[in-house]
Amino acid sequence: MPVPQRIALLALTALALASCTTSPAPAPTASPSSVSVETPVPTQAAPVFEQPDDCASVVPQSRLNEFADLGFVLLGGPGGKYGSEYQLEPTPEEQVGGITCIWGFDASDISSVTVSVAPLSADVRAQALDSFATQGLEEELTETTASYGMRGNENQPAILNVLRDDSWISVIKTVGGGDSYTNAVEIAYEVSANVYN
């Protein structure tokens, strides 16, 4: 093929290629699986305080079994051997609509464990705080509770009061000390689990 024809053919080919256009690639779109959708998290209802009306519902059965193994009987409080007559006067918790349960040795005048549960209002809280200050109880605060207590010793009781917005739980162990106070904390936790649902 002569050179002028070859040049003309190359020019036509280049022209044909130049006239060809490619369509732009489509813009990427998100696939349905890649779109993040926030799933609503179900909210749990806040626990509700229920004032117990008898000592059997204050602590769990496992704790009642432990008391029985120690030889403790329910001396005072609803369902107790002596009921409300075990003490000369109502406890502060009983005075505001709560109950007090006292476990101890049947043949002894000294109670071993006293557990009280009462509803709490702003007025009752103020009165209780004044009483705790008078007793010299130590304060410990968490997000949901305010605790006031003392460890005591062989001659002083271990005392723990736990206040929430709507309840007052107290545990007193006649013979104090570090172990008794730790046990009082455990019992208070168990009572809380029993009276909130």
N, C-alpha and C. Protein backbone atom coordinates (compact mmCIF):
# COMPACT_ATOMS: atom_id res chain seq x y z
N MET A 1 0.87 -1.18 0.00
CA MET A 1 0.00 0.00 0.00
C MET A 1 0.90 1.22 0.00
N PRO A 2 0.61 2.17 -0.96
CA PRO A 2 1.45 3.37 -1.05
C PRO A 2 1.36 4.16 0.24
N VAL A 3 2.40 4.94 0.52
CA VAL A 3 2.52 5.69 1.77
C VAL A 3 1.39 6.69 1.94
N PRO A 4 0.97 7.45 0.89
CA PRO A 4 -0.12 8.40 1.12
C PRO A 4 -1.41 7.72 1.54
N GLN A 5 -1.66 6.50 0.98
CA GLN A 5 -2.89 5.79 1.38
C GLN A 5 -2.78 5.30 2.81
N ARG A 6 -1.55 4.84 3.18
CA ARG A 6 -1.34 4.36 4.54
C ARG A 6 -1.55 5.50 5.53
N ILE A 7 -1.10 6.71 5.23
CA ILE A 7 -1.25 7.87 6.11
C ILE A 7 -2.72 8.23 6.21
N ALA A 8 -3.43 8.16 5.09
CA ALA A 8 -4.86 8.50 5.10
C ALA A 8 -5.63 7.51 5.95
N LEU A 9 -5.25 6.21 5.83
CA LEU A 9 -5.93 5.17 6.62
C LEU A 9 -5.68 5.36 8.11
N LEU A 10 -4.45 5.72 8.47
CA LEU A 10 -4.12 5.97 9.89
C LEU A 10 -4.89 7.18 10.41
N ALA A 11 -5.00 8.20 9.56
CA ALA A 11 -5.72 9.41 9.98
C ALA A 11 -7.18 9.10 10.20
N LEU A 12 -7.78 8.27 9.31
CA LEU A 12 -9.20 7.89 9.47
C LEU A 12 -9.40 7.06 10.74
N THR A 13 -8.46 6.16 11.00
CA THR A 13 -8.56 5.31 12.20
C THR A 13 -8.49 6.17 13.46
N ALA A 14 -7.54 7.14 13.49
CA ALA A 14 -7.40 8.01 14.66
C ALA A 14 -8.65 8.85 14.85
N LEU A 15 -9.22 9.30 13.71
CA LEU A 15 -10.43 10.10 13.78
C LEU A 15 -11.60 9.29 14.32
N ALA A 16 -11.68 8.03 13.89
CA ALA A 16 -12.77 7.16 14.35
C ALA A 16 -12.63 6.89 15.84
N LEU A 17 -11.40 6.67 16.26
CA LEU A 17 -11.18 6.42 17.70
C LEU A 17 -11.50 7.65 18.53
N ALA A 18 -11.14 8.82 18.01
CA ALA A 18 -11.40 10.05 18.76
C ALA A 18 -12.87 10.31 18.90
N SER A 19 -13.67 9.88 17.91
CA SER A 19 -15.11 10.16 17.98
C SER A 19 -15.82 9.20 18.92
N CYS A 20 -15.18 8.10 19.26
CA CYS A 20 -15.81 7.15 20.21
C CYS A 20 -15.70 7.72 21.61
N THR A 21 -16.80 7.80 22.31
CA THR A 21 -16.77 8.28 23.70
C THR A 21 -17.26 7.18 24.61
N THR A 22 -16.73 7.17 25.76
CA THR A 22 -17.19 6.18 26.75
C THR A 22 -18.09 6.89 27.73
N SER A 23 -19.15 6.22 28.10
CA SER A 23 -20.05 6.83 29.10
C SER A 23 -19.42 6.71 30.48
N PRO A 24 -19.60 7.73 31.33
CA PRO A 24 -18.98 7.68 32.65
C PRO A 24 -19.58 6.56 33.49
N ALA A 25 -18.75 6.01 34.37
CA ALA A 25 -19.21 4.93 35.26
C ALA A 25 -20.24 5.50 36.23
N PRO A 26 -21.29 4.73 36.52
CA PRO A 26 -22.30 5.24 37.45
C PRO A 26 -21.70 5.47 38.84
N ALA A 27 -22.20 6.48 39.52
CA ALA A 27 -21.71 6.78 40.87
C ALA A 27 -22.08 5.63 41.81
N PRO A 28 -21.16 5.27 42.68
CA PRO A 28 -21.46 4.15 43.59
C PRO A 28 -22.62 4.53 44.52
N THR A 29 -23.49 3.60 44.75
CA THR A 29 -24.60 3.81 45.69
C THR A 29 -24.47 2.80 46.82
N ALA A 30 -24.97 3.17 47.95
CA ALA A 30 -24.88 2.29 49.12
C ALA A 30 -25.87 1.16 48.98
N SER A 31 -25.40 -0.03 49.22
CA SER A 31 -26.31 -1.17 49.19
C SER A 31 -27.11 -1.18 50.48
N PRO A 32 -28.29 -1.77 50.43
CA PRO A 32 -29.12 -1.77 51.65
C PRO A 32 -28.42 -2.35 52.86
N SER A 33 -27.52 -3.32 52.62
CA SER A 33 -26.87 -3.96 53.76
C SER A 33 -25.82 -3.06 54.39
N SER A 34 -25.33 -2.04 53.63
CA SER A 34 -24.29 -1.20 54.20
C SER A 34 -24.83 0.04 54.90
N VAL A 35 -26.14 0.26 54.83
CA VAL A 35 -26.73 1.42 55.49
C VAL A 35 -26.93 1.09 56.96
N SER A 36 -26.39 1.92 57.86
CA SER A 36 -26.54 1.64 59.29
C SER A 36 -27.86 2.20 59.80
N VAL A 37 -28.59 1.34 60.45
CA VAL A 37 -29.86 1.74 61.04
C VAL A 37 -29.78 1.48 62.53
N GLU A 38 -30.03 2.50 63.31
CA GLU A 38 -29.95 2.34 64.77
C GLU A 38 -31.16 1.57 65.27
N THR A 39 -30.86 0.47 65.99
CA THR A 39 -31.93 -0.32 66.57
C THR A 39 -32.23 0.22 67.95
N PRO A 40 -33.46 0.56 68.26
CA PRO A 40 -33.76 1.08 69.58
C PRO A 40 -33.49 0.03 70.66
N VAL A 41 -32.83 0.46 71.72
CA VAL A 41 -32.53 -0.44 72.83
C VAL A 41 -33.69 -0.41 73.81
N PRO A 42 -34.26 -1.59 74.11
CA PRO A 42 -35.39 -1.58 75.04
C PRO A 42 -34.94 -1.12 76.43
N THR A 43 -35.71 -0.26 77.04
CA THR A 43 -35.36 0.23 78.37
C THR A 43 -36.04 -0.63 79.43
N GLN A 44 -35.29 -0.95 80.47
CA GLN A 44 -35.85 -1.75 81.55
C GLN A 44 -36.53 -0.83 82.55
N ALA A 45 -37.64 -1.30 83.06
CA ALA A 45 -38.34 -0.52 84.06
C ALA A 45 -37.52 -0.49 85.34
N ALA A 46 -37.54 0.64 86.02
CA ALA A 46 -36.82 0.75 87.28
C ALA A 46 -37.42 -0.19 88.31
N PRO A 47 -36.57 -0.82 89.15
CA PRO A 47 -37.10 -1.71 90.18
C PRO A 47 -38.07 -0.96 91.10
N VAL A 48 -39.09 -1.65 91.53
CA VAL A 48 -40.12 -1.04 92.38
C VAL A 48 -40.00 -1.61 93.80
N PHE A 49 -39.98 -0.73 94.79
CA PHE A 49 -39.91 -1.15 96.18
C PHE A 49 -41.28 -1.62 96.65
N GLU A 50 -41.30 -2.77 97.30
CA GLU A 50 -42.52 -3.29 97.89
C GLU A 50 -42.27 -3.54 99.37
N GLN A 51 -42.99 -2.85 100.22
CA GLN A 51 -42.82 -2.99 101.66
C GLN A 51 -43.30 -4.39 102.09
N PRO A 52 -42.40 -5.20 102.65
CA PRO A 52 -42.84 -6.52 103.12
C PRO A 52 -43.72 -6.39 104.36
N ASP A 53 -44.62 -7.35 104.55
CA ASP A 53 -45.48 -7.31 105.73
C ASP A 53 -45.18 -8.43 106.71
N ASP A 54 -44.22 -9.30 106.37
CA ASP A 54 -43.82 -10.33 107.33
C ASP A 54 -42.34 -10.62 107.18
N CYS A 55 -41.76 -11.20 108.22
CA CYS A 55 -40.31 -11.41 108.25
C CYS A 55 -39.85 -12.49 107.28
N ALA A 56 -40.73 -13.41 106.93
CA ALA A 56 -40.36 -14.48 106.00
C ALA A 56 -40.03 -13.94 104.62
N SER A 57 -40.55 -12.75 104.28
CA SER A 57 -40.28 -12.18 102.95
C SER A 57 -39.22 -11.09 102.98
N VAL A 58 -38.57 -10.92 104.12
CA VAL A 58 -37.52 -9.89 104.23
C VAL A 58 -36.18 -10.41 103.71
N VAL A 59 -35.81 -11.61 104.12
CA VAL A 59 -34.56 -12.21 103.67
C VAL A 59 -34.86 -13.47 102.88
N PRO A 60 -33.93 -13.91 102.01
CA PRO A 60 -34.20 -15.11 101.21
C PRO A 60 -34.18 -16.37 102.07
N GLN A 61 -34.73 -17.43 101.52
CA GLN A 61 -34.80 -18.70 102.25
C GLN A 61 -33.41 -19.21 102.62
N SER A 62 -32.42 -18.96 101.77
CA SER A 62 -31.06 -19.42 102.08
C SER A 62 -30.54 -18.79 103.37
N ARG A 63 -30.88 -17.52 103.59
CA ARG A 63 -30.45 -16.85 104.83
C ARG A 63 -31.25 -17.38 106.02
N LEU A 64 -32.53 -17.64 105.84
CA LEU A 64 -33.33 -18.23 106.92
C LEU A 64 -32.79 -19.60 107.30
N ASN A 65 -32.36 -20.37 106.30
CA ASN A 65 -31.76 -21.69 106.59
C ASN A 65 -30.47 -21.53 107.38
N GLU A 66 -29.68 -20.52 107.01
CA GLU A 66 -28.43 -20.28 107.74
C GLU A 66 -28.70 -19.89 109.18
N PHE A 67 -29.71 -19.02 109.40
CA PHE A 67 -30.09 -18.66 110.77
C PHE A 67 -30.49 -19.91 111.55
N ALA A 68 -31.27 -20.77 110.93
CA ALA A 68 -31.71 -22.00 111.60
C ALA A 68 -30.52 -22.88 111.96
N ASP A 69 -29.56 -22.98 111.04
CA ASP A 69 -28.36 -23.78 111.31
C ASP A 69 -27.57 -23.23 112.49
N LEU A 70 -27.61 -21.91 112.68
CA LEU A 70 -26.92 -21.28 113.81
C LEU A 70 -27.70 -21.42 115.12
N GLY A 71 -28.93 -21.90 115.02
CA GLY A 71 -29.77 -22.02 116.21
C GLY A 71 -30.61 -20.79 116.48
N PHE A 72 -30.68 -19.86 115.49
CA PHE A 72 -31.48 -18.65 115.66
C PHE A 72 -32.95 -18.96 115.39
N VAL A 73 -33.81 -18.32 116.15
CA VAL A 73 -35.24 -18.35 115.87
C VAL A 73 -35.71 -16.92 115.70
N LEU A 74 -36.85 -16.75 115.05
CA LEU A 74 -37.42 -15.42 114.88
C LEU A 74 -38.11 -15.04 116.18
N LEU A 75 -37.50 -14.13 116.91
CA LEU A 75 -38.02 -13.73 118.22
C LEU A 75 -39.03 -12.61 118.12
N GLY A 76 -38.70 -11.55 117.37
CA GLY A 76 -39.57 -10.39 117.28
C GLY A 76 -39.90 -10.04 115.85
N GLY A 77 -41.03 -9.38 115.68
CA GLY A 77 -41.48 -8.98 114.35
C GLY A 77 -42.64 -9.83 113.89
N PRO A 78 -43.26 -9.46 112.77
CA PRO A 78 -44.39 -10.21 112.24
C PRO A 78 -44.03 -11.68 112.01
N GLY A 79 -44.76 -12.57 112.66
CA GLY A 79 -44.49 -14.00 112.55
C GLY A 79 -43.50 -14.50 113.58
N GLY A 80 -42.94 -13.60 114.41
CA GLY A 80 -41.96 -14.00 115.41
C GLY A 80 -42.60 -14.59 116.65
N LYS A 81 -41.79 -15.25 117.44
CA LYS A 81 -42.27 -15.92 118.65
C LYS A 81 -42.98 -14.95 119.59
N TYR A 82 -42.43 -13.74 119.73
CA TYR A 82 -43.02 -12.75 120.62
C TYR A 82 -43.67 -11.59 119.87
N GLY A 83 -43.61 -11.63 118.56
CA GLY A 83 -44.24 -10.61 117.74
C GLY A 83 -43.76 -9.22 118.08
N SER A 84 -44.69 -8.28 118.19
CA SER A 84 -44.34 -6.89 118.48
C SER A 84 -44.04 -6.66 119.96
N GLU A 85 -44.25 -7.68 120.79
CA GLU A 85 -44.02 -7.53 122.23
C GLU A 85 -42.57 -7.80 122.62
N TYR A 86 -41.74 -8.20 121.67
CA TYR A 86 -40.34 -8.50 121.99
C TYR A 86 -39.60 -7.26 122.46
N GLN A 87 -39.91 -6.12 121.89
CA GLN A 87 -39.28 -4.86 122.28
C GLN A 87 -40.27 -3.98 123.02
N LEU A 88 -39.75 -3.14 123.90
CA LEU A 88 -40.63 -2.27 124.68
C LEU A 88 -41.26 -1.19 123.81
N GLU A 89 -40.49 -0.68 122.85
CA GLU A 89 -40.99 0.40 121.99
C GLU A 89 -40.75 0.06 120.52
N PRO A 90 -41.57 0.60 119.65
CA PRO A 90 -41.33 0.37 118.21
C PRO A 90 -39.99 0.96 117.77
N THR A 91 -39.36 0.31 116.81
CA THR A 91 -38.12 0.84 116.25
C THR A 91 -38.43 2.06 115.39
N PRO A 92 -37.42 2.88 115.08
CA PRO A 92 -37.66 4.02 114.18
C PRO A 92 -38.27 3.60 112.85
N GLU A 93 -37.86 2.44 112.34
CA GLU A 93 -38.41 1.96 111.07
C GLU A 93 -39.88 1.59 111.22
N GLU A 94 -40.23 0.97 112.35
CA GLU A 94 -41.64 0.63 112.60
C GLU A 94 -42.49 1.89 112.75
N GLN A 95 -41.92 2.92 113.33
CA GLN A 95 -42.67 4.16 113.55
C GLN A 95 -43.06 4.85 112.24
N VAL A 96 -42.35 4.53 111.15
CA VAL A 96 -42.67 5.17 109.87
C VAL A 96 -43.33 4.19 108.89
N GLY A 97 -43.87 3.09 109.42
CA GLY A 97 -44.61 2.16 108.57
C GLY A 97 -43.85 0.94 108.12
N GLY A 98 -42.66 0.72 108.67
CA GLY A 98 -41.87 -0.45 108.29
C GLY A 98 -42.03 -1.59 109.27
N ILE A 99 -41.21 -2.61 109.10
CA ILE A 99 -41.21 -3.74 110.03
C ILE A 99 -39.79 -3.99 110.51
N THR A 100 -39.67 -4.61 111.68
CA THR A 100 -38.39 -5.00 112.25
C THR A 100 -38.46 -6.47 112.63
N CYS A 101 -37.46 -7.23 112.20
CA CYS A 101 -37.41 -8.66 112.45
C CYS A 101 -36.14 -8.97 113.24
N ILE A 102 -36.30 -9.74 114.31
CA ILE A 102 -35.17 -10.01 115.21
C ILE A 102 -34.97 -11.51 115.35
N TRP A 103 -33.78 -11.95 114.95
CA TRP A 103 -33.42 -13.36 115.08
C TRP A 103 -32.37 -13.51 116.17
N GLY A 104 -32.48 -14.56 116.97
CA GLY A 104 -31.49 -14.81 118.01
C GLY A 104 -31.71 -16.16 118.65
N PHE A 105 -30.92 -16.45 119.67
CA PHE A 105 -31.07 -17.71 120.40
C PHE A 105 -32.29 -17.62 121.30
N ASP A 106 -33.08 -18.65 121.29
CA ASP A 106 -34.34 -18.64 122.02
C ASP A 106 -34.13 -18.47 123.53
N ALA A 107 -33.07 -19.06 124.07
CA ALA A 107 -32.86 -19.02 125.52
C ALA A 107 -32.08 -17.79 125.98
N SER A 108 -31.75 -16.90 125.05
CA SER A 108 -30.94 -15.73 125.40
C SER A 108 -31.76 -14.46 125.32
N ASP A 109 -31.44 -13.49 126.15
CA ASP A 109 -32.09 -12.19 126.11
C ASP A 109 -31.45 -11.27 125.07
N ILE A 110 -30.33 -11.69 124.53
CA ILE A 110 -29.59 -10.85 123.60
C ILE A 110 -29.91 -11.29 122.17
N SER A 111 -30.45 -10.38 121.39
CA SER A 111 -30.73 -10.70 119.99
C SER A 111 -29.42 -10.73 119.22
N SER A 112 -29.38 -11.49 118.14
CA SER A 112 -28.15 -11.59 117.36
C SER A 112 -28.20 -10.80 116.07
N VAL A 113 -29.34 -10.82 115.37
CA VAL A 113 -29.46 -10.10 114.11
C VAL A 113 -30.82 -9.40 114.07
N THR A 114 -30.79 -8.10 113.80
CA THR A 114 -32.01 -7.32 113.65
C THR A 114 -32.03 -6.73 112.25
N VAL A 115 -33.11 -6.99 111.52
CA VAL A 115 -33.25 -6.47 110.15
C VAL A 115 -34.54 -5.68 110.08
N SER A 116 -34.45 -4.45 109.60
CA SER A 116 -35.63 -3.59 109.45
C SER A 116 -35.75 -3.10 108.01
N VAL A 117 -36.99 -2.95 107.56
CA VAL A 117 -37.27 -2.42 106.23
C VAL A 117 -38.41 -1.44 106.36
N ALA A 118 -38.26 -0.24 105.77
CA ALA A 118 -39.30 0.78 105.86
C ALA A 118 -39.34 1.61 104.59
N PRO A 119 -40.52 2.15 104.26
CA PRO A 119 -40.60 3.11 103.15
C PRO A 119 -39.92 4.40 103.57
N LEU A 120 -39.43 5.14 102.59
CA LEU A 120 -38.67 6.36 102.90
C LEU A 120 -39.26 7.56 102.17
N SER A 121 -39.53 8.60 102.92
CA SER A 121 -39.96 9.88 102.36
C SER A 121 -38.89 10.92 102.67
N ALA A 122 -39.05 12.12 102.15
CA ALA A 122 -38.07 13.18 102.40
C ALA A 122 -38.00 13.51 103.88
N ASP A 123 -39.15 13.56 104.54
CA ASP A 123 -39.17 13.89 105.98
C ASP A 123 -38.48 12.79 106.80
N VAL A 124 -38.79 11.54 106.46
CA VAL A 124 -38.19 10.41 107.19
C VAL A 124 -36.68 10.40 106.96
N ARG A 125 -36.26 10.68 105.72
CA ARG A 125 -34.82 10.73 105.43
C ARG A 125 -34.13 11.77 106.30
N ALA A 126 -34.71 12.95 106.41
CA ALA A 126 -34.10 14.01 107.21
C ALA A 126 -33.97 13.59 108.67
N GLN A 127 -35.01 12.96 109.21
CA GLN A 127 -34.97 12.49 110.59
C GLN A 127 -33.91 11.41 110.77
N ALA A 128 -33.86 10.49 109.82
CA ALA A 128 -32.88 9.40 109.90
C ALA A 128 -31.46 9.94 109.85
N LEU A 129 -31.21 10.89 108.96
CA LEU A 129 -29.86 11.45 108.84
C LEU A 129 -29.43 12.13 110.14
N ASP A 130 -30.36 12.83 110.78
CA ASP A 130 -30.04 13.44 112.08
C ASP A 130 -29.65 12.38 113.09
N SER A 131 -30.40 11.28 113.11
CA SER A 131 -30.11 10.19 114.03
C SER A 131 -28.76 9.55 113.74
N PHE A 132 -28.44 9.37 112.46
CA PHE A 132 -27.16 8.76 112.11
C PHE A 132 -25.99 9.65 112.54
N ALA A 133 -26.17 10.96 112.37
CA ALA A 133 -25.12 11.90 112.78
C ALA A 133 -24.91 11.83 114.29
N THR A 134 -26.01 11.75 115.04
CA THR A 134 -25.92 11.65 116.51
C THR A 134 -25.18 10.39 116.93
N GLN A 135 -25.42 9.30 116.20
CA GLN A 135 -24.77 8.02 116.52
C GLN A 135 -23.32 7.97 116.04
N GLY A 136 -22.91 8.93 115.24
CA GLY A 136 -21.55 8.95 114.73
C GLY A 136 -21.30 7.91 113.65
N LEU A 137 -22.32 7.59 112.87
CA LEU A 137 -22.18 6.58 111.82
C LEU A 137 -21.43 7.16 110.62
N GLU A 138 -20.63 6.33 110.00
CA GLU A 138 -19.85 6.75 108.83
C GLU A 138 -20.71 6.69 107.57
N GLU A 139 -20.54 7.68 106.71
CA GLU A 139 -21.32 7.77 105.47
C GLU A 139 -20.53 7.23 104.30
N GLU A 140 -21.23 6.49 103.43
CA GLU A 140 -20.64 6.02 102.17
C GLU A 140 -21.69 6.17 101.09
N LEU A 141 -21.36 6.90 100.02
CA LEU A 141 -22.32 7.20 98.97
C LEU A 141 -21.98 6.47 97.69
N THR A 142 -23.02 5.97 96.99
CA THR A 142 -22.87 5.42 95.65
C THR A 142 -23.89 6.15 94.76
N GLU A 143 -24.02 5.73 93.51
CA GLU A 143 -24.97 6.39 92.61
C GLU A 143 -26.41 6.20 93.06
N THR A 144 -26.69 5.07 93.70
CA THR A 144 -28.09 4.76 94.04
C THR A 144 -28.37 4.65 95.53
N THR A 145 -27.34 4.59 96.36
CA THR A 145 -27.56 4.41 97.79
C THR A 145 -26.69 5.35 98.62
N ALA A 146 -27.16 5.54 99.85
CA ALA A 146 -26.35 6.22 100.86
C ALA A 146 -26.33 5.30 102.07
N SER A 147 -25.14 4.86 102.48
CA SER A 147 -25.01 3.94 103.60
C SER A 147 -24.41 4.65 104.79
N TYR A 148 -24.91 4.28 105.98
CA TYR A 148 -24.42 4.86 107.23
C TYR A 148 -24.22 3.71 108.21
N GLY A 149 -23.00 3.56 108.68
CA GLY A 149 -22.76 2.42 109.56
C GLY A 149 -21.53 2.56 110.42
N MET A 150 -21.34 1.53 111.25
CA MET A 150 -20.12 1.40 112.03
C MET A 150 -19.84 -0.08 112.23
N ARG A 151 -18.56 -0.40 112.28
CA ARG A 151 -18.16 -1.80 112.38
C ARG A 151 -18.38 -2.36 113.78
N GLY A 152 -18.22 -1.54 114.78
CA GLY A 152 -18.40 -2.01 116.15
C GLY A 152 -17.27 -2.93 116.58
N ASN A 153 -17.48 -3.59 117.70
CA ASN A 153 -16.49 -4.53 118.24
C ASN A 153 -17.21 -5.53 119.14
N GLU A 154 -16.48 -6.21 119.99
CA GLU A 154 -17.12 -7.21 120.86
C GLU A 154 -18.14 -6.59 121.80
N ASN A 155 -17.96 -5.32 122.11
CA ASN A 155 -18.87 -4.65 123.05
C ASN A 155 -19.84 -3.69 122.37
N GLN A 156 -19.65 -3.46 121.08
CA GLN A 156 -20.53 -2.56 120.33
C GLN A 156 -21.07 -3.28 119.10
N PRO A 157 -22.31 -3.03 118.74
CA PRO A 157 -22.88 -3.72 117.58
C PRO A 157 -22.32 -3.22 116.25
N ALA A 158 -22.41 -4.06 115.26
CA ALA A 158 -22.17 -3.64 113.88
C ALA A 158 -23.50 -3.11 113.35
N ILE A 159 -23.49 -1.90 112.82
CA ILE A 159 -24.73 -1.24 112.37
C ILE A 159 -24.58 -0.81 110.92
N LEU A 160 -25.61 -1.07 110.13
CA LEU A 160 -25.61 -0.60 108.74
C LEU A 160 -27.01 -0.13 108.39
N ASN A 161 -27.11 1.08 107.86
CA ASN A 161 -28.36 1.64 107.34
C ASN A 161 -28.13 1.97 105.87
N VAL A 162 -29.01 1.48 105.00
CA VAL A 162 -28.90 1.75 103.57
C VAL A 162 -30.15 2.50 103.13
N LEU A 163 -29.95 3.71 102.62
CA LEU A 163 -31.07 4.55 102.16
C LEU A 163 -31.05 4.64 100.63
N ARG A 164 -32.22 4.42 100.04
CA ARG A 164 -32.44 4.69 98.63
C ARG A 164 -33.48 5.78 98.54
N ASP A 165 -33.91 6.10 97.33
CA ASP A 165 -34.92 7.16 97.18
C ASP A 165 -36.20 6.84 97.93
N ASP A 166 -36.56 5.54 97.97
CA ASP A 166 -37.86 5.18 98.51
C ASP A 166 -37.83 4.12 99.60
N SER A 167 -36.64 3.74 100.08
CA SER A 167 -36.58 2.70 101.10
C SER A 167 -35.44 2.91 102.09
N TRP A 168 -35.63 2.30 103.26
CA TRP A 168 -34.64 2.32 104.33
C TRP A 168 -34.48 0.88 104.81
N ILE A 169 -33.29 0.34 104.66
CA ILE A 169 -32.97 -1.01 105.11
C ILE A 169 -31.88 -0.90 106.15
N SER A 170 -32.09 -1.54 107.30
CA SER A 170 -31.06 -1.52 108.33
C SER A 170 -30.79 -2.92 108.84
N VAL A 171 -29.53 -3.16 109.19
CA VAL A 171 -29.11 -4.44 109.76
C VAL A 171 -28.23 -4.13 110.96
N ILE A 172 -28.55 -4.77 112.08
CA ILE A 172 -27.75 -4.62 113.31
C ILE A 172 -27.35 -6.00 113.78
N LYS A 173 -26.05 -6.19 113.98
CA LYS A 173 -25.55 -7.43 114.57
C LYS A 173 -25.04 -7.09 115.96
N THR A 174 -25.59 -7.77 116.97
CA THR A 174 -25.32 -7.41 118.36
C THR A 174 -23.83 -7.41 118.69
N VAL A 175 -23.11 -8.41 118.20
CA VAL A 175 -21.66 -8.45 118.40
C VAL A 175 -21.02 -7.93 117.13
N GLY A 176 -20.28 -6.81 117.27
CA GLY A 176 -19.70 -6.16 116.10
C GLY A 176 -18.34 -6.71 115.72
N GLY A 177 -17.65 -5.94 114.88
CA GLY A 177 -16.35 -6.34 114.37
C GLY A 177 -16.39 -6.38 112.85
N GLY A 178 -15.21 -6.54 112.25
CA GLY A 178 -15.10 -6.52 110.79
C GLY A 178 -15.94 -7.58 110.11
N ASP A 179 -15.88 -8.82 110.61
CA ASP A 179 -16.65 -9.91 110.00
C ASP A 179 -18.15 -9.68 110.15
N SER A 180 -18.56 -9.19 111.31
CA SER A 180 -19.99 -8.93 111.53
C SER A 180 -20.48 -7.84 110.60
N TYR A 181 -19.67 -6.81 110.41
CA TYR A 181 -20.08 -5.72 109.53
C TYR A 181 -20.19 -6.21 108.08
N THR A 182 -19.22 -7.02 107.66
CA THR A 182 -19.27 -7.59 106.31
C THR A 182 -20.53 -8.43 106.13
N ASN A 183 -20.87 -9.21 107.16
CA ASN A 183 -22.08 -10.02 107.11
C ASN A 183 -23.32 -9.13 107.05
N ALA A 184 -23.31 -8.02 107.78
CA ALA A 184 -24.44 -7.08 107.74
C ALA A 184 -24.62 -6.51 106.34
N VAL A 185 -23.52 -6.21 105.66
CA VAL A 185 -23.58 -5.71 104.29
C VAL A 185 -24.20 -6.77 103.37
N GLU A 186 -23.79 -8.02 103.54
CA GLU A 186 -24.34 -9.11 102.73
C GLU A 186 -25.84 -9.25 102.95
N ILE A 187 -26.26 -9.20 104.21
CA ILE A 187 -27.68 -9.33 104.52
C ILE A 187 -28.47 -8.17 103.93
N ALA A 188 -27.94 -6.95 104.04
CA ALA A 188 -28.62 -5.78 103.48
C ALA A 188 -28.79 -5.92 101.97
N TYR A 189 -27.78 -6.46 101.30
CA TYR A 189 -27.87 -6.68 99.85
C TYR A 189 -28.97 -7.69 99.53
N GLU A 190 -29.05 -8.76 100.32
CA GLU A 190 -30.07 -9.78 100.11
C GLU A 190 -31.47 -9.21 100.34
N VAL A 191 -31.61 -8.39 101.38
CA VAL A 191 -32.91 -7.77 101.67
C VAL A 191 -33.32 -6.88 100.49
N SER A 192 -32.38 -6.11 99.98
CA SER A 192 -32.66 -5.24 98.85
C SER A 192 -33.17 -6.04 97.65
N ALA A 193 -32.50 -7.16 97.37
CA ALA A 193 -32.92 -8.00 96.25
C ALA A 193 -34.32 -8.57 96.48
N ASN A 194 -34.69 -8.77 97.74
CA ASN A 194 -36.01 -9.34 98.06
C ASN A 194 -37.13 -8.32 97.97
N VAL A 195 -36.85 -7.07 98.32
CA VAL A 195 -37.94 -6.08 98.42
C VAL A 195 -38.07 -5.21 97.17
N TYR A 196 -37.16 -5.38 96.20
CA TYR A 196 -37.29 -4.69 94.92
C TYR A 196 -37.53 -5.73 93.82
N ASN A 197 -38.48 -5.42 92.94
CA ASN A 197 -38.71 -6.34 91.81
C ASN A 197 -39.13 -5.56 90.57
